[in-house]
């Protein structure tokens, strides 16, 4: 397991096609953005699909 400390606005890249961006820290919660290509399947821990913008093509 890898544990990292990131600040708001910082990014973690996983492979060539996935990025995790720390969007905000509010009321003890962290909001993150996951960017990946269309071929990468992203699923939340509760089993619901997550929205995935294409890395480099669309920003939230």
PDB file of N, CA and C in Angstrom:
ATOM      1  N   UNK A   1       0.851  -1.174   0.000  1.00  0.00           N
ATOM      2  CA  UNK A   1       0.000   0.000   0.000  1.00  0.00           C
ATOM      3  C   UNK A   1       0.896   1.235   0.000  1.00  0.00           C
ATOM      4  N   UNK A   2       0.472   2.239  -0.735  1.00  0.00           N
ATOM      5  CA  UNK A   2       1.180   3.507  -0.818  1.00  0.00           C
ATOM      6  C   UNK A   2       0.337   4.582  -0.148  1.00  0.00           C
ATOM      7  N   UNK A   3       0.930   5.318   0.788  1.00  0.00           N
ATOM      8  CA  UNK A   3       0.243   6.427   1.445  1.00  0.00           C
ATOM      9  C   UNK A   3       1.003   7.706   1.132  1.00  0.00           C
ATOM     10  N   UNK A   4       0.289   8.700   0.608  1.00  0.00           N
ATOM     11  CA  UNK A   4       0.911   9.966   0.225  1.00  0.00           C
ATOM     12  C   UNK A   4       0.208  11.127   0.886  1.00  0.00           C
ATOM     13  N   UNK A   5       0.925  12.222   1.006  1.00  0.00           N
ATOM     14  CA  UNK A   5       0.337  13.477   1.441  1.00  0.00           C
ATOM     15  C   UNK A   5       0.323  14.406   0.240  1.00  0.00           C
ATOM     16  N   UNK A   6      -0.826  14.938  -0.093  1.00  0.00           N
ATOM     17  CA  UNK A   6      -0.975  15.859  -1.222  1.00  0.00           C
ATOM     18  C   UNK A   6      -1.686  17.110  -0.731  1.00  0.00           C
ATOM     19  N   UNK A   7      -1.414  18.222  -1.371  1.00  0.00           N
ATOM     20  CA  UNK A   7      -2.104  19.474  -1.082  1.00  0.00           C
ATOM     21  C   UNK A   7      -3.139  19.734  -2.168  1.00  0.00           C
ATOM     22  N   UNK A   8      -4.079  20.637  -1.878  1.00  0.00           N
ATOM     23  CA  UNK A   8      -5.081  21.011  -2.870  1.00  0.00           C
ATOM     24  C   UNK A   8      -4.374  21.499  -4.133  1.00  0.00           C
ATOM     25  N   UNK A   9      -4.822  20.983  -5.277  1.00  0.00           N
ATOM     26  CA  UNK A   9      -4.239  21.342  -6.570  1.00  0.00           C
ATOM     27  C   UNK A   9      -3.122  20.420  -7.020  1.00  0.00           C
ATOM     28  N   UNK A  10      -2.606  19.584  -6.138  1.00  0.00           N
ATOM     29  CA  UNK A  10      -1.546  18.659  -6.529  1.00  0.00           C
ATOM     30  C   UNK A  10      -2.136  17.412  -7.186  1.00  0.00           C
ATOM     31  N   UNK A  11      -1.326  16.774  -8.017  1.00  0.00           N
ATOM     32  CA  UNK A  11      -1.770  15.635  -8.826  1.00  0.00           C
ATOM     33  C   UNK A  11      -0.889  14.428  -8.587  1.00  0.00           C
ATOM     34  N   UNK A  12      -1.502  13.258  -8.631  1.00  0.00           N
ATOM     35  CA  UNK A  12      -0.793  11.986  -8.589  1.00  0.00           C
ATOM     36  C   UNK A  12      -1.077  11.281  -9.905  1.00  0.00           C
ATOM     37  N   UNK A  13      -0.033  10.926 -10.655  1.00  0.00           N
ATOM     38  CA  UNK A  13      -0.194  10.223 -11.925  1.00  0.00           C
ATOM     39  C   UNK A  13       0.001   8.732 -11.695  1.00  0.00           C
ATOM     40  N   UNK A  14      -0.898   7.943 -12.254  1.00  0.00           N
ATOM     41  CA  UNK A  14      -0.814   6.485 -12.181  1.00  0.00           C
ATOM     42  C   UNK A  14      -0.712   5.986 -13.609  1.00  0.00           C
ATOM     43  N   UNK A  15       0.430   5.456 -13.969  1.00  0.00           N
ATOM     44  CA  UNK A  15       0.650   5.029 -15.350  1.00  0.00           C
ATOM     45  C   UNK A  15       0.648   6.224 -16.285  1.00  0.00           C
ATOM     46  N   UNK A  16       0.411   5.963 -17.560  1.00  0.00           N
ATOM     47  CA  UNK A  16       0.440   7.017 -18.576  1.00  0.00           C
ATOM     48  C   UNK A  16      -0.905   7.686 -18.804  1.00  0.00           C
ATOM     49  N   UNK A  17      -1.986   7.102 -18.292  1.00  0.00           N
ATOM     50  CA  UNK A  17      -3.309   7.576 -18.687  1.00  0.00           C
ATOM     51  C   UNK A  17      -4.259   7.912 -17.538  1.00  0.00           C
ATOM     52  N   UNK A  18      -3.754   7.934 -16.298  1.00  0.00           N
ATOM     53  CA  UNK A  18      -4.626   8.209 -15.160  1.00  0.00           C
ATOM     54  C   UNK A  18      -3.980   9.235 -14.234  1.00  0.00           C
ATOM     55  N   UNK A  19      -4.775  10.211 -13.806  1.00  0.00           N
ATOM     56  CA  UNK A  19      -4.312  11.226 -12.868  1.00  0.00           C
ATOM     57  C   UNK A  19      -5.369  11.423 -11.779  1.00  0.00           C
ATOM     58  N   UNK A  20      -4.906  11.574 -10.545  1.00  0.00           N
ATOM     59  CA  UNK A  20      -5.762  11.872  -9.400  1.00  0.00           C
ATOM     60  C   UNK A  20      -5.407  13.291  -8.959  1.00  0.00           C
ATOM     61  N   UNK A  21      -6.407  14.183  -8.913  1.00  0.00           N
ATOM     62  CA  UNK A  21      -6.174  15.576  -8.538  1.00  0.00           C
ATOM     63  C   UNK A  21      -6.939  15.880  -7.259  1.00  0.00           C
ATOM     64  N   UNK A  22      -6.258  16.457  -6.266  1.00  0.00           N
ATOM     65  CA  UNK A  22      -6.924  16.893  -5.041  1.00  0.00           C
ATOM     66  C   UNK A  22      -7.621  18.210  -5.355  1.00  0.00           C
ATOM     67  N   UNK A  23      -8.943  18.202  -5.330  1.00  0.00           N
ATOM     68  CA  UNK A  23      -9.743  19.379  -5.672  1.00  0.00           C
ATOM     69  C   UNK A  23      -9.972  20.298  -4.480  1.00  0.00           C
ATOM     70  N   UNK A  24     -10.371  19.739  -3.331  1.00  0.00           N
ATOM     71  CA  UNK A  24     -10.704  20.577  -2.177  1.00  0.00           C
ATOM     72  C   UNK A  24     -10.689  19.753  -0.895  1.00  0.00           C
ATOM     73  N   UNK A  25     -10.469  20.438   0.207  1.00  0.00           N
ATOM     74  CA  UNK A  25     -10.599  19.866   1.542  1.00  0.00           C
ATOM     75  C   UNK A  25     -11.625  20.726   2.272  1.00  0.00           C
ATOM     76  N   UNK A  26     -12.760  20.125   2.632  1.00  0.00           N
ATOM     77  CA  UNK A  26     -13.837  20.869   3.269  1.00  0.00           C
ATOM     78  C   UNK A  26     -14.509  20.011   4.335  1.00  0.00           C
ATOM     79  N   UNK A  27     -14.636  20.549   5.527  1.00  0.00           N
ATOM     80  CA  UNK A  27     -15.362  19.875   6.617  1.00  0.00           C
ATOM     81  C   UNK A  27     -14.879  18.445   6.842  1.00  0.00           C
ATOM     82  N   UNK A  28     -13.583  18.220   6.828  1.00  0.00           N
ATOM     83  CA  UNK A  28     -13.036  16.894   7.079  1.00  0.00           C
ATOM     84  C   UNK A  28     -13.163  15.923   5.915  1.00  0.00           C
ATOM     85  N   UNK A  29     -13.552  16.419   4.739  1.00  0.00           N
ATOM     86  CA  UNK A  29     -13.679  15.567   3.556  1.00  0.00           C
ATOM     87  C   UNK A  29     -12.736  16.059   2.470  1.00  0.00           C
ATOM     88  N   UNK A  30     -12.297  15.141   1.639  1.00  0.00           N
ATOM     89  CA  UNK A  30     -11.454  15.496   0.503  1.00  0.00           C
ATOM     90  C   UNK A  30     -12.239  15.262  -0.780  1.00  0.00           C
ATOM     91  N   UNK A  31     -12.167  16.197  -1.711  1.00  0.00           N
ATOM     92  CA  UNK A  31     -12.805  16.014  -3.025  1.00  0.00           C
ATOM     93  C   UNK A  31     -11.680  15.806  -4.023  1.00  0.00           C
ATOM     94  N   UNK A  32     -11.759  14.695  -4.763  1.00  0.00           N
ATOM     95  CA  UNK A  32     -10.734  14.376  -5.751  1.00  0.00           C
ATOM     96  C   UNK A  32     -11.355  14.271  -7.139  1.00  0.00           C
ATOM     97  N   UNK A  33     -10.517  14.473  -8.151  1.00  0.00           N
ATOM     98  CA  UNK A  33     -10.931  14.284  -9.542  1.00  0.00           C
ATOM     99  C   UNK A  33     -10.050  13.183 -10.116  1.00  0.00           C
ATOM    100  N   UNK A  34     -10.672  12.216 -10.761  1.00  0.00           N
ATOM    101  CA  UNK A  34      -9.941  11.145 -11.433  1.00  0.00           C
ATOM    102  C   UNK A  34     -10.062  11.392 -12.925  1.00  0.00           C
ATOM    103  N   UNK A  35      -8.928  11.543 -13.584  1.00  0.00           N
ATOM    104  CA  UNK A  35      -8.912  11.727 -15.031  1.00  0.00           C
ATOM    105  C   UNK A  35      -8.254  10.501 -15.647  1.00  0.00           C
ATOM    106  N   UNK A  36      -8.918   9.919 -16.650  1.00  0.00           N
ATOM    107  CA  UNK A  36      -8.350   8.762 -17.334  1.00  0.00           C
ATOM    108  C   UNK A  36      -8.908   8.689 -18.745  1.00  0.00           C
ATOM    109  N   UNK A  37      -8.280   7.858 -19.553  1.00  0.00           N
ATOM    110  CA  UNK A  37      -8.765   7.720 -20.922  1.00  0.00           C
ATOM    111  C   UNK A  37     -10.029   6.855 -20.945  1.00  0.00           C
ATOM    112  N   UNK A  38     -10.695   6.820 -22.069  1.00  0.00           N
ATOM    113  CA  UNK A  38     -11.957   6.091 -22.199  1.00  0.00           C
ATOM    114  C   UNK A  38     -11.803   4.596 -21.952  1.00  0.00           C
ATOM    115  N   UNK A  39     -10.615   4.043 -22.192  1.00  0.00           N
ATOM    116  CA  UNK A  39     -10.400   2.604 -22.047  1.00  0.00           C
ATOM    117  C   UNK A  39     -10.223   2.181 -20.591  1.00  0.00           C
ATOM    118  N   UNK A  40      -9.962   3.127 -19.687  1.00  0.00           N
ATOM    119  CA  UNK A  40      -9.746   2.806 -18.285  1.00  0.00           C
ATOM    120  C   UNK A  40     -11.070   2.832 -17.536  1.00  0.00           C
ATOM    121  N   UNK A  41     -11.426   1.714 -16.955  1.00  0.00           N
ATOM    122  CA  UNK A  41     -12.682   1.611 -16.210  1.00  0.00           C
ATOM    123  C   UNK A  41     -12.446   2.126 -14.794  1.00  0.00           C
ATOM    124  N   UNK A  42     -13.287   3.048 -14.353  1.00  0.00           N
ATOM    125  CA  UNK A  42     -13.190   3.610 -13.012  1.00  0.00           C
ATOM    126  C   UNK A  42     -14.477   3.305 -12.274  1.00  0.00           C
ATOM    127  N   UNK A  43     -14.364   2.651 -11.118  1.00  0.00           N
ATOM    128  CA  UNK A  43     -15.535   2.276 -10.327  1.00  0.00           C
ATOM    129  C   UNK A  43     -15.311   2.733  -8.898  1.00  0.00           C
ATOM    130  N   UNK A  44     -16.329   3.368  -8.311  1.00  0.00           N
ATOM    131  CA  UNK A  44     -16.256   3.797  -6.919  1.00  0.00           C
ATOM    132  C   UNK A  44     -16.318   2.580  -6.000  1.00  0.00           C
ATOM    133  N   UNK A  45     -15.869   2.720  -4.766  1.00  0.00           N
ATOM    134  CA  UNK A  45     -15.871   1.611  -3.807  1.00  0.00           C
ATOM    135  C   UNK A  45     -17.272   1.093  -3.529  1.00  0.00           C
ATOM    136  N   UNK A  46     -18.287   1.950  -3.700  1.00  0.00           N
ATOM    137  CA  UNK A  46     -19.659   1.496  -3.469  1.00  0.00           C
ATOM    138  C   UNK A  46     -20.249   0.814  -4.702  1.00  0.00           C
ATOM    139  N   UNK A  47     -19.437   0.623  -5.743  1.00  0.00           N
ATOM    140  CA  UNK A  47     -19.863  -0.119  -6.916  1.00  0.00           C
ATOM    141  C   UNK A  47     -20.467   0.708  -8.029  1.00  0.00           C
ATOM    142  N   UNK A  48     -20.712   2.008  -7.795  1.00  0.00           N
ATOM    143  CA  UNK A  48     -21.282   2.859  -8.832  1.00  0.00           C
ATOM    144  C   UNK A  48     -20.179   3.363  -9.762  1.00  0.00           C
ATOM    145  N   UNK A  49     -20.418   3.426 -11.062  1.00  0.00           N
ATOM    146  CA  UNK A  49     -19.422   3.964 -11.982  1.00  0.00           C
ATOM    147  C   UNK A  49     -19.148   5.430 -11.668  1.00  0.00           C
ATOM    148  N   UNK A  50     -17.910   5.845 -11.853  1.00  0.00           N
ATOM    149  CA  UNK A  50     -17.533   7.244 -11.643  1.00  0.00           C
ATOM    150  C   UNK A  50     -17.463   7.952 -12.985  1.00  0.00           C
ATOM    151  N   UNK A  51     -17.721   9.261 -12.997  1.00  0.00           N
ATOM    152  CA  UNK A  51     -17.559  10.049 -14.225  1.00  0.00           C
ATOM    153  C   UNK A  51     -16.075  10.187 -14.498  1.00  0.00           C
ATOM    154  N   UNK A  52     -15.681  10.015 -15.759  1.00  0.00           N
ATOM    155  CA  UNK A  52     -14.257  10.076 -16.110  1.00  0.00           C
ATOM    156  C   UNK A  52     -14.022  11.016 -17.271  1.00  0.00           C
ATOM    157  N   UNK A  53     -13.509  12.230 -17.014  1.00  0.00           N
ATOM    158  CA  UNK A  53     -13.118  13.058 -18.147  1.00  0.00           C
ATOM    159  C   UNK A  53     -11.874  12.475 -18.806  1.00  0.00           C
ATOM    160  N   UNK A  54     -11.704  12.678 -20.082  1.00  0.00           N
ATOM    161  CA  UNK A  54     -10.531  12.174 -20.794  1.00  0.00           C
ATOM    162  C   UNK A  54      -9.352  13.066 -20.460  1.00  0.00           C
ATOM    163  N   UNK A  55      -8.257  12.465 -20.000  1.00  0.00           N
ATOM    164  CA  UNK A  55      -7.070  13.189 -19.592  1.00  0.00           C
ATOM    165  C   UNK A  55      -6.583  14.105 -20.698  1.00  0.00           C
ATOM    166  N   UNK A  56      -6.445  15.391 -20.405  1.00  0.00           N
ATOM    167  CA  UNK A  56      -5.935  16.346 -21.361  1.00  0.00           C
ATOM    168  C   UNK A  56      -6.969  16.900 -22.332  1.00  0.00           C
ATOM    169  N   UNK A  57      -8.173  16.345 -22.366  1.00  0.00           N
ATOM    170  CA  UNK A  57      -9.164  16.792 -23.325  1.00  0.00           C
ATOM    171  C   UNK A  57     -10.314  17.558 -22.690  1.00  0.00           C
ATOM    172  N   UNK A  58     -10.588  17.287 -21.420  1.00  0.00           N
ATOM    173  CA  UNK A  58     -11.714  17.927 -20.763  1.00  0.00           C
ATOM    174  C   UNK A  58     -11.368  18.146 -19.295  1.00  0.00           C
ATOM    175  N   UNK A  59     -11.712  19.281 -18.748  1.00  0.00           N
ATOM    176  CA  UNK A  59     -11.473  19.522 -17.327  1.00  0.00           C
ATOM    177  C   UNK A  59     -12.778  19.837 -16.640  1.00  0.00           C
ATOM    178  N   UNK A  60     -12.824  19.547 -15.346  1.00  0.00           N
ATOM    179  CA  UNK A  60     -14.041  19.785 -14.566  1.00  0.00           C
ATOM    180  C   UNK A  60     -13.944  21.100 -13.835  1.00  0.00           C
TER     181      UNK A  60
END
